Amino acid sequence: MKEGGSMNFDEFQAAFVKENRKLKIIIFLMIIVFGIGSVFNIIDRRYYLYKGGAIFEERPLVEEICRLGFATLTKGEPNPYVVSLGLIEAAKKEQFRLVVDKLLLVKSTEVDSCKIILKSEGKLVAFKVSLSGSDKNPFYYKLTQLDETLAEKEKL
């Protein structure tokens, strides 16, 4: 700097370039830290903390997933969000269609299955539906297998 406290243009430009470099380095480091944090946030496995753990044992959505998945299968338009790809392909090969007069019962039975009882063209028909769950999301299920079983009137 000169004696009068003023700075000539060359000194000002050098100081400006030096400060600009520092700013660029700080911004670059912030972008790297933000990017790493974002990647960890995206790949981080989610855990649910809930004091009322009984709701996970009851599996409240299983019956609705069974009903919805079965209904889309019987109409010939299986929903890939609730029906597995393997079951969709098998249903297309076998031309699985069923006329549902009245849905009588949808009940969760075992850990990964439910039972559906319905009337179809005047007959009582029952199916055992197997489901697959997800470790990442306790409310996620898909229909994986469909087996016709004996319909018992006394269970209605």
C-alpha atoms as a PDB file:
ATOM      1  CA  MET A   1       0.000   0.000   0.000  1.00  0.00           C
ATOM      2  CA  LYS A   2       1.076   3.496  -0.600  1.00  0.00           C
ATOM      3  CA  GLU A   3       1.604   6.070   2.139  1.00  0.00           C
ATOM      4  CA  GLY A   4      -1.727   7.800   1.647  1.00  0.00           C
ATOM      5  CA  GLY A   5      -3.617   4.601   2.441  1.00  0.00           C
ATOM      6  CA  SER A   6      -4.703   4.036  -1.120  1.00  0.00           C
ATOM      7  CA  MET A   7      -3.962   0.949  -3.131  1.00  0.00           C
ATOM      8  CA  ASN A   8      -3.098   0.861  -6.784  1.00  0.00           C
ATOM      9  CA  PHE A   9      -5.022  -1.323  -9.195  1.00  0.00           C
ATOM     10  CA  ASP A  10      -2.372  -4.081  -9.419  1.00  0.00           C
ATOM     11  CA  GLU A  11      -2.280  -4.536  -5.647  1.00  0.00           C
ATOM     12  CA  PHE A  12      -6.086  -4.531  -5.482  1.00  0.00           C
ATOM     13  CA  GLN A  13      -6.310  -7.105  -8.268  1.00  0.00           C
ATOM     14  CA  ALA A  14      -3.742  -9.390  -6.553  1.00  0.00           C
ATOM     15  CA  ALA A  15      -5.601  -9.170  -3.227  1.00  0.00           C
ATOM     16  CA  PHE A  16      -8.931  -9.813  -4.978  1.00  0.00           C
ATOM     17  CA  VAL A  17      -7.599 -12.887  -6.805  1.00  0.00           C
ATOM     18  CA  LYS A  18      -6.111 -14.244  -3.550  1.00  0.00           C
ATOM     19  CA  GLU A  19      -9.395 -13.829  -1.646  1.00  0.00           C
ATOM     20  CA  ASN A  20     -11.357 -15.263  -4.579  1.00  0.00           C
ATOM     21  CA  ARG A  21      -9.209 -18.409  -4.494  1.00  0.00           C
ATOM     22  CA  LYS A  22      -9.886 -18.843  -0.766  1.00  0.00           C
ATOM     23  CA  LEU A  23     -13.621 -18.506  -1.396  1.00  0.00           C
ATOM     24  CA  LYS A  24     -13.500 -21.062  -4.231  1.00  0.00           C
ATOM     25  CA  ILE A  25     -11.656 -23.560  -1.989  1.00  0.00           C
ATOM     26  CA  ILE A  26     -14.196 -23.099   0.815  1.00  0.00           C
ATOM     27  CA  ILE A  27     -17.127 -23.563  -1.574  1.00  0.00           C
ATOM     28  CA  PHE A  28     -15.489 -26.650  -3.111  1.00  0.00           C
ATOM     29  CA  LEU A  29     -14.970 -28.199   0.355  1.00  0.00           C
ATOM     30  CA  MET A  30     -18.589 -27.429   1.298  1.00  0.00           C
ATOM     31  CA  ILE A  31     -19.851 -29.127  -1.873  1.00  0.00           C
ATOM     32  CA  ILE A  32     -17.761 -32.234  -1.122  1.00  0.00           C
ATOM     33  CA  VAL A  33     -19.020 -32.419   2.489  1.00  0.00           C
ATOM     34  CA  PHE A  34     -22.634 -31.900   1.344  1.00  0.00           C
ATOM     35  CA  GLY A  35     -22.235 -34.571  -1.372  1.00  0.00           C
ATOM     36  CA  ILE A  36     -20.821 -37.132   1.076  1.00  0.00           C
ATOM     37  CA  GLY A  37     -23.601 -36.369   3.548  1.00  0.00           C
ATOM     38  CA  SER A  38     -26.215 -36.761   0.826  1.00  0.00           C
ATOM     39  CA  VAL A  39     -24.792 -40.112  -0.300  1.00  0.00           C
ATOM     40  CA  PHE A  40     -24.812 -41.430   3.279  1.00  0.00           C
ATOM     41  CA  ASN A  41     -28.360 -40.181   3.736  1.00  0.00           C
ATOM     42  CA  ILE A  42     -29.541 -41.930   0.548  1.00  0.00           C
ATOM     43  CA  ILE A  43     -27.884 -45.307   1.221  1.00  0.00           C
ATOM     44  CA  ASP A  44     -28.572 -45.242   4.964  1.00  0.00           C
ATOM     45  CA  ARG A  45     -30.812 -48.056   6.118  1.00  0.00           C
ATOM     46  CA  ARG A  46     -33.951 -46.831   7.847  1.00  0.00           C
ATOM     47  CA  TYR A  47     -34.885 -48.119  11.260  1.00  0.00           C
ATOM     48  CA  TYR A  48     -38.244 -47.486  12.842  1.00  0.00           C
ATOM     49  CA  LEU A  49     -38.382 -46.777  16.535  1.00  0.00           C
ATOM     50  CA  TYR A  50     -41.820 -47.295  17.923  1.00  0.00           C
ATOM     51  CA  LYS A  51     -42.773 -48.189  21.486  1.00  0.00           C
ATOM     52  CA  GLY A  52     -45.957 -50.010  20.467  1.00  0.00           C
ATOM     53  CA  GLY A  53     -44.214 -52.932  18.762  1.00  0.00           C
ATOM     54  CA  ALA A  54     -47.412 -54.985  18.736  1.00  0.00           C
ATOM     55  CA  ILE A  55     -48.565 -53.182  15.601  1.00  0.00           C
ATOM     56  CA  PHE A  56     -45.706 -54.776  13.669  1.00  0.00           C
ATOM     57  CA  GLU A  57     -46.669 -58.234  14.905  1.00  0.00           C
ATOM     58  CA  GLU A  58     -50.312 -57.682  13.924  1.00  0.00           C
ATOM     59  CA  ARG A  59     -49.283 -56.617  10.405  1.00  0.00           C
ATOM     60  CA  PRO A  60     -52.239 -54.301   9.766  1.00  0.00           C
ATOM     61  CA  LEU A  61     -51.740 -53.980   6.011  1.00  0.00           C
ATOM     62  CA  VAL A  62     -51.465 -57.682   5.173  1.00  0.00           C
ATOM     63  CA  GLU A  63     -55.181 -58.216   4.704  1.00  0.00           C
ATOM     64  CA  GLU A  64     -55.560 -55.117   2.536  1.00  0.00           C
ATOM     65  CA  ILE A  65     -52.567 -56.131   0.389  1.00  0.00           C
ATOM     66  CA  CYS A  66     -54.086 -59.634   0.004  1.00  0.00           C
ATOM     67  CA  ARG A  67     -57.452 -58.196  -1.000  1.00  0.00           C
ATOM     68  CA  LEU A  68     -56.020 -55.631  -3.410  1.00  0.00           C
ATOM     69  CA  GLY A  69     -53.486 -57.995  -4.993  1.00  0.00           C
ATOM     70  CA  PHE A  70     -56.024 -60.791  -5.383  1.00  0.00           C
ATOM     71  CA  ALA A  71     -58.597 -58.406  -6.874  1.00  0.00           C
ATOM     72  CA  THR A  72     -56.128 -57.160  -9.493  1.00  0.00           C
ATOM     73  CA  LEU A  73     -55.155 -60.769 -10.344  1.00  0.00           C
ATOM     74  CA  THR A  74     -58.766 -61.873 -10.836  1.00  0.00           C
ATOM     75  CA  LYS A  75     -59.414 -58.950 -13.165  1.00  0.00           C
ATOM     76  CA  GLY A  76     -56.421 -59.933 -15.290  1.00  0.00           C
ATOM     77  CA  GLU A  77     -54.573 -56.681 -14.531  1.00  0.00           C
ATOM     78  CA  PRO A  78     -52.121 -57.540 -11.707  1.00  0.00           C
ATOM     79  CA  ASN A  79     -50.692 -54.530  -9.895  1.00  0.00           C
ATOM     80  CA  PRO A  80     -46.850 -54.802  -9.752  1.00  0.00           C
ATOM     81  CA  TYR A  81     -46.796 -52.806  -6.507  1.00  0.00           C
ATOM     82  CA  VAL A  82     -48.599 -55.567  -4.600  1.00  0.00           C
ATOM     83  CA  VAL A  83     -48.026 -58.663  -6.787  1.00  0.00           C
ATOM     84  CA  SER A  84     -44.558 -60.129  -7.438  1.00  0.00           C
ATOM     85  CA  LEU A  85     -43.261 -60.337 -10.997  1.00  0.00           C
ATOM     86  CA  GLY A  86     -43.063 -64.144 -10.800  1.00  0.00           C
ATOM     87  CA  LEU A  87     -46.749 -64.398  -9.928  1.00  0.00           C
ATOM     88  CA  ILE A  88     -47.671 -61.900 -12.652  1.00  0.00           C
ATOM     89  CA  GLU A  89     -45.835 -63.995 -15.258  1.00  0.00           C
ATOM     90  CA  ALA A  90     -47.427 -67.233 -13.980  1.00  0.00           C
ATOM     91  CA  ALA A  91     -50.907 -65.649 -14.081  1.00  0.00           C
ATOM     92  CA  LYS A  92     -50.334 -64.547 -17.684  1.00  0.00           C
ATOM     93  CA  LYS A  93     -49.171 -68.035 -18.721  1.00  0.00           C
ATOM     94  CA  GLU A  94     -52.101 -69.781 -17.060  1.00  0.00           C
ATOM     95  CA  GLN A  95     -54.654 -67.125 -18.127  1.00  0.00           C
ATOM     96  CA  PHE A  96     -55.785 -66.813 -14.492  1.00  0.00           C
ATOM     97  CA  ARG A  97     -59.185 -65.138 -14.335  1.00  0.00           C
ATOM     98  CA  LEU A  98     -61.890 -65.611 -11.790  1.00  0.00           C
ATOM     99  CA  VAL A  99     -65.369 -64.139 -11.519  1.00  0.00           C
ATOM    100  CA  VAL A 100     -65.820 -62.872  -7.976  1.00  0.00           C
ATOM    101  CA  ASP A 101     -69.500 -62.707  -6.993  1.00  0.00           C
ATOM    102  CA  LYS A 102     -68.806 -61.811  -3.386  1.00  0.00           C
ATOM    103  CA  LEU A 103     -65.678 -61.633  -1.270  1.00  0.00           C
ATOM    104  CA  LEU A 104     -66.581 -63.344   2.007  1.00  0.00           C
ATOM    105  CA  LEU A 105     -63.376 -63.365   4.040  1.00  0.00           C
ATOM    106  CA  VAL A 106     -59.830 -62.030   3.924  1.00  0.00           C
ATOM    107  CA  LYS A 107     -57.889 -63.121   6.977  1.00  0.00           C
ATOM    108  CA  SER A 108     -54.229 -63.036   7.939  1.00  0.00           C
ATOM    109  CA  THR A 109     -53.291 -66.562   8.990  1.00  0.00           C
ATOM    110  CA  GLU A 110     -49.593 -67.336   9.338  1.00  0.00           C
ATOM    111  CA  VAL A 111     -46.606 -65.008   9.394  1.00  0.00           C
ATOM    112  CA  ASP A 112     -46.394 -64.585   5.627  1.00  0.00           C
ATOM    113  CA  SER A 113     -49.802 -65.647   4.352  1.00  0.00           C
ATOM    114  CA  CYS A 114     -53.498 -64.931   4.361  1.00  0.00           C
ATOM    115  CA  LYS A 115     -56.659 -66.782   3.410  1.00  0.00           C
ATOM    116  CA  ILE A 116     -59.288 -65.516   0.995  1.00  0.00           C
ATOM    117  CA  ILE A 117     -62.767 -67.071   0.764  1.00  0.00           C
ATOM    118  CA  LEU A 118     -65.185 -65.951  -1.937  1.00  0.00           C
ATOM    119  CA  LYS A 119     -68.192 -66.941  -3.979  1.00  0.00           C
ATOM    120  CA  SER A 120     -67.520 -67.446  -7.654  1.00  0.00           C
ATOM    121  CA  GLU A 121     -70.353 -68.392  -9.986  1.00  0.00           C
ATOM    122  CA  GLY A 122     -72.338 -69.761  -7.028  1.00  0.00           C
ATOM    123  CA  LYS A 123     -69.478 -71.915  -5.660  1.00  0.00           C
ATOM    124  CA  LEU A 124     -67.508 -71.376  -2.480  1.00  0.00           C
ATOM    125  CA  VAL A 125     -63.805 -70.988  -3.351  1.00  0.00           C
ATOM    126  CA  ALA A 126     -60.815 -70.451  -1.044  1.00  0.00           C
ATOM    127  CA  PHE A 127     -57.218 -69.454  -1.664  1.00  0.00           C
ATOM    128  CA  LYS A 128     -54.117 -69.380   0.483  1.00  0.00           C
ATOM    129  CA  VAL A 129     -52.025 -66.385  -0.526  1.00  0.00           C
ATOM    130  CA  SER A 130     -48.318 -66.324   0.329  1.00  0.00           C
ATOM    131  CA  LEU A 131     -46.600 -62.986   0.839  1.00  0.00           C
ATOM    132  CA  SER A 132     -43.057 -61.710   0.908  1.00  0.00           C
ATOM    133  CA  GLY A 133     -42.095 -58.899   3.242  1.00  0.00           C
ATOM    134  CA  SER A 134     -39.254 -56.416   3.402  1.00  0.00           C
ATOM    135  CA  ASP A 135     -36.623 -55.969   6.099  1.00  0.00           C
ATOM    136  CA  LYS A 136     -36.288 -52.291   5.207  1.00  0.00           C
ATOM    137  CA  ASN A 137     -39.974 -51.455   5.554  1.00  0.00           C
ATOM    138  CA  PRO A 138     -42.231 -53.360   7.975  1.00  0.00           C
ATOM    139  CA  PHE A 139     -45.382 -52.361   6.038  1.00  0.00           C
ATOM    140  CA  TYR A 140     -44.263 -53.603   2.613  1.00  0.00           C
ATOM    141  CA  TYR A 141     -45.709 -56.850   1.241  1.00  0.00           C
ATOM    142  CA  LYS A 142     -46.170 -58.493  -2.162  1.00  0.00           C
ATOM    143  CA  LEU A 143     -48.188 -61.537  -3.179  1.00  0.00           C
ATOM    144  CA  THR A 144     -45.806 -64.303  -4.248  1.00  0.00           C
ATOM    145  CA  GLN A 145     -47.946 -67.445  -4.453  1.00  0.00           C
ATOM    146  CA  LEU A 146     -51.599 -68.335  -4.815  1.00  0.00           C
ATOM    147  CA  ASP A 147     -52.894 -71.813  -3.892  1.00  0.00           C
ATOM    148  CA  GLU A 148     -56.520 -72.944  -4.060  1.00  0.00           C
ATOM    149  CA  THR A 149     -57.612 -74.690  -0.851  1.00  0.00           C
ATOM    150  CA  LEU A 150     -60.799 -76.216   0.539  1.00  0.00           C
ATOM    151  CA  ALA A 151     -63.408 -73.680   1.567  1.00  0.00           C
ATOM    152  CA  GLU A 152     -64.855 -74.435   4.976  1.00  0.00           C
ATOM    153  CA  LYS A 153     -68.293 -72.930   5.628  1.00  0.00           C
ATOM    154  CA  GLU A 154     -67.924 -73.080   9.408  1.00  0.00           C
ATOM    155  CA  LYS A 155     -64.939 -70.677   9.279  1.00  0.00           C
ATOM    156  CA  LEU A 156     -67.137 -67.966   7.811  1.00  0.00           C
END
